[in-house]
Amino acid sequence: MTQARATQKQSNRSPNPLKQYWRVLKLFWSTALEAELEYRVNFLIAALTSFGSLAGSLFSLSLFYQTGYQFQGWSWEEALLVLGVFTILQGFSATLLAPNLNQIVDQVQKGTLDFVLLKPISSQFWLSLRRISPWGLPDLIFGLILIGYAGTRLNLPPIAYVASVIPILFGLLILYSLWFILGATSIWFVKIYNVTEVLRGLLEAGRYPMAAYPVAYRVFFTFVVPVAFLTTIPAEVLLSRAQVLWIAGAGILAIVLLLFARSFWRFALRFYTSASS
């Protein structure tokens, strides 16, 4: 009798939402990868494109160093760490952000956002993680190789790589939040593509250490568009010379932007006019 009651109690318990979301996420990504891998030649094209982009970045960076000039406090190998972190962020954008968040505008334009809002799942979760693209993997791999090469030349200890994971994760959250907030504004301004392209253009500044820019630009890329938190600070953590205050600031900024993105999306939905209304 006691065993029967225990079984009944277990059956009455609500399912774990984290497990449910994890199952949904695996279903999302498995179906997305199956669809993407039908065109495997695209992976080769993406790899060549990523390699060409990285080669161009290395060439432009080398122009500063070939005459003996270097950014203040940044040697060639140290600047490569910044470029490596930037390449990882670029791969993350191509793998998750662009395939998902760029679709928010289409969802609003075509009225298919209605179907997302009717699903028994967080609409932000659906819009942020519905798709995954393997075409960003070359950038992720090249970024890791670049960091590994520069770190070997600099004799960085293994603990430095482990410590850098935290600010890199903060950078990923910051980048996602900024992109999602801009995507959410498509509820008011449907043609928002140009704004996201402006954001991507500003983030290009993260290819180089902040020391490469005049003081006014450093302030702008730190406190207005937080590019410094995306690439320079993780690289400084790798070099074991980042101040704890800046690392804590990156974490606080990531959490604040993530919470704001969630609240801003709920606020934006109040003004959404469905296609059926």
C-alpha atoms as a PDB file:
ATOM      1  CA  MET A   1       0.000   0.000   0.000  1.00  0.00           C
ATOM      2  CA  THR A   2       2.842   2.345   0.921  1.00  0.00           C
ATOM      3  CA  GLN A   3       4.651   1.507  -2.309  1.00  0.00           C
ATOM      4  CA  ALA A   4       1.496   2.239  -4.326  1.00  0.00           C
ATOM      5  CA  ARG A   5       1.114   5.636  -2.668  1.00  0.00           C
ATOM      6  CA  ALA A   6       4.760   6.445  -3.366  1.00  0.00           C
ATOM      7  CA  THR A   7       4.291   5.504  -7.002  1.00  0.00           C
ATOM      8  CA  GLN A   8       1.181   7.676  -7.207  1.00  0.00           C
ATOM      9  CA  LYS A   9       3.048  10.629  -5.679  1.00  0.00           C
ATOM     10  CA  GLN A  10       5.851  10.246  -8.193  1.00  0.00           C
ATOM     11  CA  SER A  11       3.378  10.160 -11.062  1.00  0.00           C
ATOM     12  CA  ASN A  12       1.679  13.330  -9.779  1.00  0.00           C
ATOM     13  CA  ARG A  13       4.923  15.250  -9.689  1.00  0.00           C
ATOM     14  CA  SER A  14       5.390  17.740 -12.488  1.00  0.00           C
ATOM     15  CA  PRO A  15       8.173  16.840 -14.917  1.00  0.00           C
ATOM     16  CA  ASN A  16      11.529  18.540 -14.566  1.00  0.00           C
ATOM     17  CA  PRO A  17      11.429  21.582 -16.887  1.00  0.00           C
ATOM     18  CA  LEU A  18      15.205  21.470 -17.388  1.00  0.00           C
ATOM     19  CA  LYS A  19      14.997  17.920 -18.682  1.00  0.00           C
ATOM     20  CA  GLN A  20      12.134  18.888 -20.949  1.00  0.00           C
ATOM     21  CA  TYR A  21      14.056  21.800 -22.411  1.00  0.00           C
ATOM     22  CA  TRP A  22      17.136  19.607 -22.839  1.00  0.00           C
ATOM     23  CA  ARG A  23      15.126  17.027 -24.764  1.00  0.00           C
ATOM     24  CA  VAL A  24      13.632  19.749 -26.942  1.00  0.00           C
ATOM     25  CA  LEU A  25      17.078  21.237 -27.553  1.00  0.00           C
ATOM     26  CA  LYS A  26      18.490  17.873 -28.643  1.00  0.00           C
ATOM     27  CA  LEU A  27      15.547  17.448 -31.009  1.00  0.00           C
ATOM     28  CA  PHE A  28      16.041  20.960 -32.410  1.00  0.00           C
ATOM     29  CA  TRP A  29      19.740  20.499 -33.066  1.00  0.00           C
ATOM     30  CA  SER A  30      19.559  16.952 -34.393  1.00  0.00           C
ATOM     31  CA  THR A  31      16.956  17.879 -37.007  1.00  0.00           C
ATOM     32  CA  ALA A  32      18.799  21.108 -37.886  1.00  0.00           C
ATOM     33  CA  LEU A  33      22.100  19.281 -38.367  1.00  0.00           C
ATOM     34  CA  GLU A  34      20.461  16.590 -40.486  1.00  0.00           C
ATOM     35  CA  ALA A  35      19.030  19.273 -42.751  1.00  0.00           C
ATOM     36  CA  GLU A  36      22.289  21.230 -42.965  1.00  0.00           C
ATOM     37  CA  LEU A  37      24.494  18.196 -43.617  1.00  0.00           C
ATOM     38  CA  GLU A  38      22.554  17.365 -46.758  1.00  0.00           C
ATOM     39  CA  TYR A  39      24.746  20.032 -48.355  1.00  0.00           C
ATOM     40  CA  ARG A  40      28.186  18.933 -47.146  1.00  0.00           C
ATOM     41  CA  VAL A  41      30.049  20.875 -49.784  1.00  0.00           C
ATOM     42  CA  ASN A  42      28.921  23.980 -47.895  1.00  0.00           C
ATOM     43  CA  PHE A  43      31.197  22.954 -45.017  1.00  0.00           C
ATOM     44  CA  LEU A  44      34.220  23.008 -47.313  1.00  0.00           C
ATOM     45  CA  ILE A  45      33.154  26.411 -48.639  1.00  0.00           C
ATOM     46  CA  ALA A  46      32.661  27.690 -45.079  1.00  0.00           C
ATOM     47  CA  ALA A  47      36.101  26.380 -44.077  1.00  0.00           C
ATOM     48  CA  LEU A  48      37.756  28.106 -47.026  1.00  0.00           C
ATOM     49  CA  THR A  49      35.859  31.319 -46.284  1.00  0.00           C
ATOM     50  CA  SER A  50      36.885  31.209 -42.616  1.00  0.00           C
ATOM     51  CA  PHE A  51      40.491  30.520 -43.561  1.00  0.00           C
ATOM     52  CA  GLY A  52      40.476  33.423 -46.014  1.00  0.00           C
ATOM     53  CA  SER A  53      38.982  35.749 -43.392  1.00  0.00           C
ATOM     54  CA  LEU A  54      41.576  34.677 -40.816  1.00  0.00           C
ATOM     55  CA  ALA A  55      44.388  35.098 -43.343  1.00  0.00           C
ATOM     56  CA  GLY A  56      43.152  38.624 -44.077  1.00  0.00           C
ATOM     57  CA  SER A  57      43.050  39.445 -40.368  1.00  0.00           C
ATOM     58  CA  LEU A  58      46.564  38.093 -39.849  1.00  0.00           C
ATOM     59  CA  PHE A  59      47.833  40.080 -42.804  1.00  0.00           C
ATOM     60  CA  SER A  60      46.279  43.342 -41.597  1.00  0.00           C
ATOM     61  CA  LEU A  61      47.645  42.734 -38.090  1.00  0.00           C
ATOM     62  CA  SER A  62      51.099  41.955 -39.456  1.00  0.00           C
ATOM     63  CA  LEU A  63      51.206  45.342 -41.186  1.00  0.00           C
ATOM     64  CA  PHE A  64      51.508  46.972 -37.759  1.00  0.00           C
ATOM     65  CA  TYR A  65      54.299  44.672 -36.564  1.00  0.00           C
ATOM     66  CA  GLN A  66      56.460  44.136 -39.638  1.00  0.00           C
ATOM     67  CA  THR A  67      58.332  47.418 -39.108  1.00  0.00           C
ATOM     68  CA  GLY A  68      58.987  46.755 -35.423  1.00  0.00           C
ATOM     69  CA  TYR A  69      55.968  48.757 -34.228  1.00  0.00           C
ATOM     70  CA  GLN A  70      53.674  47.156 -31.666  1.00  0.00           C
ATOM     71  CA  PHE A  71      50.553  48.149 -29.805  1.00  0.00           C
ATOM     72  CA  GLN A  72      51.317  49.531 -26.377  1.00  0.00           C
ATOM     73  CA  GLY A  73      51.939  46.580 -24.075  1.00  0.00           C
ATOM     74  CA  TRP A  74      51.020  43.991 -26.714  1.00  0.00           C
ATOM     75  CA  SER A  75      53.574  41.846 -28.520  1.00  0.00           C
ATOM     76  CA  TRP A  76      52.771  40.003 -31.757  1.00  0.00           C
ATOM     77  CA  GLU A  77      51.902  36.756 -29.974  1.00  0.00           C
ATOM     78  CA  GLU A  78      49.773  38.590 -27.400  1.00  0.00           C
ATOM     79  CA  ALA A  79      47.838  40.334 -30.165  1.00  0.00           C
ATOM     80  CA  LEU A  80      47.262  36.901 -31.730  1.00  0.00           C
ATOM     81  CA  LEU A  81      45.442  35.871 -28.548  1.00  0.00           C
ATOM     82  CA  VAL A  82      42.978  38.725 -29.057  1.00  0.00           C
ATOM     83  CA  LEU A  83      42.452  37.700 -32.679  1.00  0.00           C
ATOM     84  CA  GLY A  84      41.959  34.084 -31.590  1.00  0.00           C
ATOM     85  CA  VAL A  85      39.235  35.044 -29.099  1.00  0.00           C
ATOM     86  CA  PHE A  86      37.600  37.220 -31.758  1.00  0.00           C
ATOM     87  CA  THR A  87      37.612  34.281 -34.202  1.00  0.00           C
ATOM     88  CA  ILE A  88      35.898  32.080 -31.587  1.00  0.00           C
ATOM     89  CA  LEU A  89      33.198  34.712 -31.116  1.00  0.00           C
ATOM     90  CA  GLN A  90      32.806  34.889 -34.878  1.00  0.00           C
ATOM     91  CA  GLY A  91      32.320  31.129 -35.004  1.00  0.00           C
ATOM     92  CA  PHE A  92      29.783  31.283 -32.188  1.00  0.00           C
ATOM     93  CA  SER A  93      27.852  33.945 -34.101  1.00  0.00           C
ATOM     94  CA  ALA A  94      27.817  31.873 -37.289  1.00  0.00           C
ATOM     95  CA  THR A  95      26.852  28.692 -35.435  1.00  0.00           C
ATOM     96  CA  LEU A  96      24.031  29.957 -33.222  1.00  0.00           C
ATOM     97  CA  LEU A  97      23.293  33.672 -33.368  1.00  0.00           C
ATOM     98  CA  ALA A  98      22.954  34.373 -37.082  1.00  0.00           C
ATOM     99  CA  PRO A  99      20.866  31.260 -37.929  1.00  0.00           C
ATOM    100  CA  ASN A 100      18.420  32.025 -35.112  1.00  0.00           C
ATOM    101  CA  LEU A 101      18.275  35.698 -34.243  1.00  0.00           C
ATOM    102  CA  ASN A 102      18.308  36.921 -37.830  1.00  0.00           C
ATOM    103  CA  GLN A 103      15.081  34.960 -38.284  1.00  0.00           C
ATOM    104  CA  ILE A 104      13.181  37.068 -35.749  1.00  0.00           C
ATOM    105  CA  VAL A 105      12.638  39.745 -38.387  1.00  0.00           C
ATOM    106  CA  ASP A 106      11.244  37.163 -40.819  1.00  0.00           C
ATOM    107  CA  GLN A 107       9.003  35.737 -38.108  1.00  0.00           C
ATOM    108  CA  VAL A 108       7.511  39.187 -37.484  1.00  0.00           C
ATOM    109  CA  GLN A 109       7.197  40.074 -41.163  1.00  0.00           C
ATOM    110  CA  LYS A 110       5.502  36.831 -42.173  1.00  0.00           C
ATOM    111  CA  GLY A 111       3.363  36.508 -39.056  1.00  0.00           C
ATOM    112  CA  THR A 112       4.853  33.092 -38.211  1.00  0.00           C
ATOM    113  CA  LEU A 113       5.806  34.436 -34.786  1.00  0.00           C
ATOM    114  CA  ASP A 114       2.194  33.638 -33.869  1.00  0.00           C
ATOM    115  CA  PHE A 115       2.955  29.914 -34.069  1.00  0.00           C
ATOM    116  CA  VAL A 116       6.014  30.332 -31.851  1.00  0.00           C
ATOM    117  CA  LEU A 117       4.042  32.189 -29.177  1.00  0.00           C
ATOM    118  CA  LEU A 118       1.375  29.462 -29.149  1.00  0.00           C
ATOM    119  CA  LYS A 119       3.882  26.717 -28.357  1.00  0.00           C
ATOM    120  CA  PRO A 120       4.103  25.477 -24.731  1.00  0.00           C
ATOM    121  CA  ILE A 121       7.714  26.604 -24.479  1.00  0.00           C
ATOM    122  CA  SER A 122       9.578  29.850 -23.889  1.00  0.00           C
ATOM    123  CA  SER A 123       9.453  31.874 -27.083  1.00  0.00           C
ATOM    124  CA  GLN A 124      12.897  33.320 -26.355  1.00  0.00           C
ATOM    125  CA  PHE A 125      14.302  29.801 -25.996  1.00  0.00           C
ATOM    126  CA  TRP A 126      12.669  28.750 -29.271  1.00  0.00           C
ATOM    127  CA  LEU A 127      13.871  31.795 -31.195  1.00  0.00           C
ATOM    128  CA  SER A 128      17.404  31.638 -29.759  1.00  0.00           C
ATOM    129  CA  LEU A 129      18.194  27.932 -30.076  1.00  0.00           C
ATOM    130  CA  ARG A 130      15.874  26.511 -32.742  1.00  0.00           C
ATOM    131  CA  ARG A 131      18.654  26.191 -35.314  1.00  0.00           C
ATOM    132  CA  ILE A 132      22.327  25.306 -35.267  1.00  0.00           C
ATOM    133  CA  SER A 133      24.706  25.640 -38.191  1.00  0.00           C
ATOM    134  CA  PRO A 134      27.924  23.611 -38.516  1.00  0.00           C
ATOM    135  CA  TRP A 135      29.331  26.219 -40.874  1.00  0.00           C
ATOM    136  CA  GLY A 136      30.649  28.218 -37.934  1.00  0.00           C
ATOM    137  CA  LEU A 137      32.799  25.332 -36.676  1.00  0.00           C
ATOM    138  CA  PRO A 138      35.852  26.243 -38.812  1.00  0.00           C
ATOM    139  CA  ASP A 139      36.042  29.630 -37.101  1.00  0.00           C
ATOM    140  CA  LEU A 140      35.799  27.958 -33.690  1.00  0.00           C
ATOM    141  CA  ILE A 141      38.574  25.527 -34.623  1.00  0.00           C
ATOM    142  CA  PHE A 142      40.818  28.190 -36.160  1.00  0.00           C
ATOM    143  CA  GLY A 143      40.331  30.399 -33.104  1.00  0.00           C
ATOM    144  CA  LEU A 144      41.382  27.603 -30.747  1.00  0.00           C
ATOM    145  CA  ILE A 145      44.397  26.775 -32.930  1.00  0.00           C
ATOM    146  CA  LEU A 146      45.464  30.413 -32.971  1.00  0.00           C
ATOM    147  CA  ILE A 147      45.174  30.692 -29.177  1.00  0.00           C
ATOM    148  CA  GLY A 148      47.071  27.424 -28.769  1.00  0.00           C
ATOM    149  CA  TYR A 149      49.859  28.565 -31.085  1.00  0.00           C
ATOM    150  CA  ALA A 150      50.240  31.979 -29.452  1.00  0.00           C
ATOM    151  CA  GLY A 151      49.992  30.456 -25.981  1.00  0.00           C
ATOM    152  CA  THR A 152      52.743  27.965 -26.793  1.00  0.00           C
ATOM    153  CA  ARG A 153      55.014  30.759 -28.011  1.00  0.00           C
ATOM    154  CA  LEU A 154      54.291  32.679 -24.801  1.00  0.00           C
ATOM    155  CA  ASN A 155      54.716  29.588 -22.586  1.00  0.00           C
ATOM    156  CA  LEU A 156      51.310  30.088 -20.982  1.00  0.00           C
ATOM    157  CA  PRO A 157      50.483  27.618 -18.176  1.00  0.00           C
ATOM    158  CA  PRO A 158      47.457  25.315 -18.528  1.00  0.00           C
ATOM    159  CA  ILE A 159      45.655  27.173 -15.726  1.00  0.00           C
ATOM    160  CA  ALA A 160      45.634  30.303 -17.916  1.00  0.00           C
ATOM    161  CA  TYR A 161      43.529  28.539 -20.561  1.00  0.00           C
ATOM    162  CA  VAL A 162      41.120  27.279 -17.912  1.00  0.00           C
ATOM    163  CA  ALA A 163      40.784  30.737 -16.354  1.00  0.00           C
ATOM    164  CA  SER A 164      40.076  32.337 -19.738  1.00  0.00           C
ATOM    165  CA  VAL A 165      36.975  30.185 -20.223  1.00  0.00           C
ATOM    166  CA  ILE A 166      35.031  32.318 -17.731  1.00  0.00           C
ATOM    167  CA  PRO A 167      35.480  35.724 -19.439  1.00  0.00           C
ATOM    168  CA  ILE A 168      34.951  34.102 -22.849  1.00  0.00           C
ATOM    169  CA  LEU A 169      31.614  32.747 -21.635  1.00  0.00           C
ATOM    170  CA  PHE A 170      30.755  36.222 -20.357  1.00  0.00           C
ATOM    171  CA  GLY A 171      31.598  37.570 -23.805  1.00  0.00           C
ATOM    172  CA  LEU A 172      29.321  35.029 -25.478  1.00  0.00           C
ATOM    173  CA  LEU A 173      26.431  36.038 -23.209  1.00  0.00           C
ATOM    174  CA  ILE A 174      27.051  39.742 -23.846  1.00  0.00           C
ATOM    175  CA  LEU A 175      27.127  39.196 -27.605  1.00  0.00           C
ATOM    176  CA  TYR A 176      23.952  37.098 -27.527  1.00  0.00           C
ATOM    177  CA  SER A 177      22.080  39.628 -25.396  1.00  0.00           C
ATOM    178  CA  LEU A 178      22.986  42.583 -27.600  1.00  0.00           C
ATOM    179  CA  TRP A 179      21.977  40.691 -30.739  1.00  0.00           C
ATOM    180  CA  PHE A 180      18.700  39.480 -29.241  1.00  0.00           C
ATOM    181  CA  ILE A 181      17.758  42.959 -27.997  1.00  0.00           C
ATOM    182  CA  LEU A 182      18.268  44.360 -31.480  1.00  0.00           C
ATOM    183  CA  GLY A 183      16.269  41.486 -32.953  1.00  0.00           C
ATOM    184  CA  ALA A 184      13.414  42.205 -30.546  1.00  0.00           C
ATOM    185  CA  THR A 185      13.155  45.776 -31.809  1.00  0.00           C
ATOM    186  CA  SER A 186      11.888  44.346 -35.124  1.00  0.00           C
ATOM    187  CA  ILE A 187       8.436  44.292 -33.508  1.00  0.00           C
ATOM    188  CA  TRP A 188       8.460  48.099 -33.889  1.00  0.00           C
ATOM    189  CA  PHE A 189      10.979  48.495 -36.722  1.00  0.00           C
ATOM    190  CA  VAL A 190      10.565  45.638 -39.166  1.00  0.00           C
ATOM    191  CA  LYS A 191      13.560  46.539 -41.333  1.00  0.00           C
ATOM    192  CA  ILE A 192      16.154  46.032 -38.629  1.00  0.00           C
ATOM    193  CA  TYR A 193      18.783  44.213 -40.725  1.00  0.00           C
ATOM    194  CA  ASN A 194      20.851  47.376 -41.169  1.00  0.00           C
ATOM    195  CA  VAL A 195      21.093  47.860 -37.400  1.00  0.00           C
ATOM    196  CA  THR A 196      22.408  44.342 -36.827  1.00  0.00           C
ATOM    197  CA  GLU A 197      24.959  44.896 -39.568  1.00  0.00           C
ATOM    198  CA  VAL A 198      26.078  48.088 -37.818  1.00  0.00           C
ATOM    199  CA  LEU A 199      26.523  46.068 -34.612  1.00  0.00           C
ATOM    200  CA  ARG A 200      28.569  43.459 -36.450  1.00  0.00           C
ATOM    201  CA  GLY A 201      30.667  46.212 -37.986  1.00  0.00           C
ATOM    202  CA  LEU A 202      31.367  47.752 -34.577  1.00  0.00           C
ATOM    203  CA  LEU A 203      32.303  44.354 -33.175  1.00  0.00           C
ATOM    204  CA  GLU A 204      34.986  44.088 -35.863  1.00  0.00           C
ATOM    205  CA  ALA A 205      37.007  46.409 -33.637  1.00  0.00           C
ATOM    206  CA  GLY A 206      37.529  43.408 -31.368  1.00  0.00           C
ATOM    207  CA  ARG A 207      40.075  41.970 -33.792  1.00  0.00           C
ATOM    208  CA  TYR A 208      42.731  44.156 -32.177  1.00  0.00           C
ATOM    209  CA  PRO A 209      43.614  44.986 -28.555  1.00  0.00           C
ATOM    210  CA  MET A 210      41.965  48.103 -27.206  1.00  0.00           C
ATOM    211  CA  ALA A 211      45.429  49.645 -26.933  1.00  0.00           C
ATOM    212  CA  ALA A 212      45.368  49.952 -30.732  1.00  0.00           C
ATOM    213  CA  TYR A 213      42.763  52.726 -30.543  1.00  0.00           C
ATOM    214  CA  PRO A 214      42.846  56.325 -29.297  1.00  0.00           C
ATOM    215  CA  VAL A 215      41.531  56.997 -25.805  1.00  0.00           C
ATOM    216  CA  ALA A 216      38.116  58.225 -27.014  1.00  0.00           C
ATOM    217  CA  TYR A 217      37.592  55.033 -28.996  1.00  0.00           C
ATOM    218  CA  ARG A 218      38.665  52.897 -26.038  1.00  0.00           C
ATOM    219  CA  VAL A 219      36.005  54.563 -23.890  1.00  0.00           C
ATOM    220  CA  PHE A 220      33.390  54.012 -26.610  1.00  0.00           C
ATOM    221  CA  PHE A 221      34.322  50.341 -27.123  1.00  0.00           C
ATOM    222  CA  THR A 222      34.289  49.725 -23.380  1.00  0.00           C
ATOM    223  CA  PHE A 223      31.304  51.605 -21.979  1.00  0.00           C
ATOM    224  CA  VAL A 224      29.029  52.150 -25.013  1.00  0.00           C
ATOM    225  CA  VAL A 225      29.582  49.101 -27.218  1.00  0.00           C
ATOM    226  CA  PRO A 226      31.362  46.655 -24.855  1.00  0.00           C
ATOM    227  CA  VAL A 227      33.831  45.245 -27.379  1.00  0.00           C
ATOM    228  CA  ALA A 228      36.640  45.252 -24.810  1.00  0.00           C
ATOM    229  CA  PHE A 229      34.738  42.729 -22.680  1.00  0.00           C
ATOM    230  CA  LEU A 230      34.430  40.400 -25.663  1.00  0.00           C
ATOM    231  CA  THR A 231      38.064  39.986 -26.718  1.00  0.00           C
ATOM    232  CA  THR A 232      40.653  42.114 -24.918  1.00  0.00           C
ATOM    233  CA  ILE A 233      39.729  41.150 -21.346  1.00  0.00           C
ATOM    234  CA  PRO A 234      39.678  37.366 -22.071  1.00  0.00           C
ATOM    235  CA  ALA A 235      43.102  37.770 -23.712  1.00  0.00           C
ATOM    236  CA  GLU A 236      44.385  39.632 -20.647  1.00  0.00           C
ATOM    237  CA  VAL A 237      43.113  36.786 -18.455  1.00  0.00           C
ATOM    238  CA  LEU A 238      45.096  34.388 -20.625  1.00  0.00           C
ATOM    239  CA  LEU A 239      48.141  36.554 -19.995  1.00  0.00           C
ATOM    240  CA  SER A 240      47.381  36.671 -16.227  1.00  0.00           C
ATOM    241  CA  ARG A 241      47.347  40.448 -16.168  1.00  0.00           C
ATOM    242  CA  ALA A 242      43.632  41.232 -16.078  1.00  0.00           C
ATOM    243  CA  GLN A 243      42.337  43.056 -13.027  1.00  0.00           C
ATOM    244  CA  VAL A 244      39.696  41.283 -10.973  1.00  0.00           C
ATOM    245  CA  LEU A 245      37.518  44.387 -11.186  1.00  0.00           C
ATOM    246  CA  TRP A 246      37.292  44.121 -14.986  1.00  0.00           C
ATOM    247  CA  ILE A 247      36.509  40.402 -14.853  1.00  0.00           C
ATOM    248  CA  ALA A 248      33.779  41.036 -12.286  1.00  0.00           C
ATOM    249  CA  GLY A 249      32.499  43.880 -14.453  1.00  0.00           C
ATOM    250  CA  ALA A 250      32.278  41.533 -17.434  1.00  0.00           C
ATOM    251  CA  GLY A 251      30.256  39.060 -15.368  1.00  0.00           C
ATOM    252  CA  ILE A 252      27.910  41.731 -14.029  1.00  0.00           C
ATOM    253  CA  LEU A 253      27.428  43.174 -17.514  1.00  0.00           C
ATOM    254  CA  ALA A 254      26.661  39.735 -18.942  1.00  0.00           C
ATOM    255  CA  ILE A 255      24.036  38.993 -16.270  1.00  0.00           C
ATOM    256  CA  VAL A 256      22.457  42.460 -16.494  1.00  0.00           C
ATOM    257  CA  LEU A 257      22.213  42.324 -20.295  1.00  0.00           C
ATOM    258  CA  LEU A 258      20.809  38.800 -20.191  1.00  0.00           C
ATOM    259  CA  LEU A 259      18.094  39.806 -17.713  1.00  0.00           C
ATOM    260  CA  PHE A 260      17.391  42.976 -19.663  1.00  0.00           C
ATOM    261  CA  ALA A 261      17.068  40.998 -22.909  1.00  0.00           C
ATOM    262  CA  ARG A 262      14.497  38.743 -21.238  1.00  0.00           C
ATOM    263  CA  SER A 263      12.520  41.676 -19.823  1.00  0.00           C
ATOM    264  CA  PHE A 264      12.779  43.658 -23.045  1.00  0.00           C
ATOM    265  CA  TRP A 265      11.392  40.719 -25.052  1.00  0.00           C
ATOM    266  CA  ARG A 266       8.375  40.448 -22.745  1.00  0.00           C
ATOM    267  CA  PHE A 267       7.858  44.197 -23.027  1.00  0.00           C
ATOM    268  CA  ALA A 268       8.123  44.089 -26.834  1.00  0.00           C
ATOM    269  CA  LEU A 269       5.527  41.314 -27.074  1.00  0.00           C
ATOM    270  CA  ARG A 270       2.936  43.667 -25.582  1.00  0.00           C
ATOM    271  CA  PHE A 271       3.125  45.665 -28.778  1.00  0.00           C
ATOM    272  CA  TYR A 272       3.149  42.699 -31.141  1.00  0.00           C
ATOM    273  CA  THR A 273       0.131  42.541 -33.425  1.00  0.00           C
ATOM    274  CA  SER A 274      -0.404  38.969 -34.564  1.00  0.00           C
ATOM    275  CA  ALA A 275      -1.107  38.117 -38.164  1.00  0.00           C
ATOM    276  CA  SER A 276      -4.508  36.722 -37.208  1.00  0.00           C
ATOM    277  CA  SER A 277      -5.726  39.885 -35.465  1.00  0.00           C
END
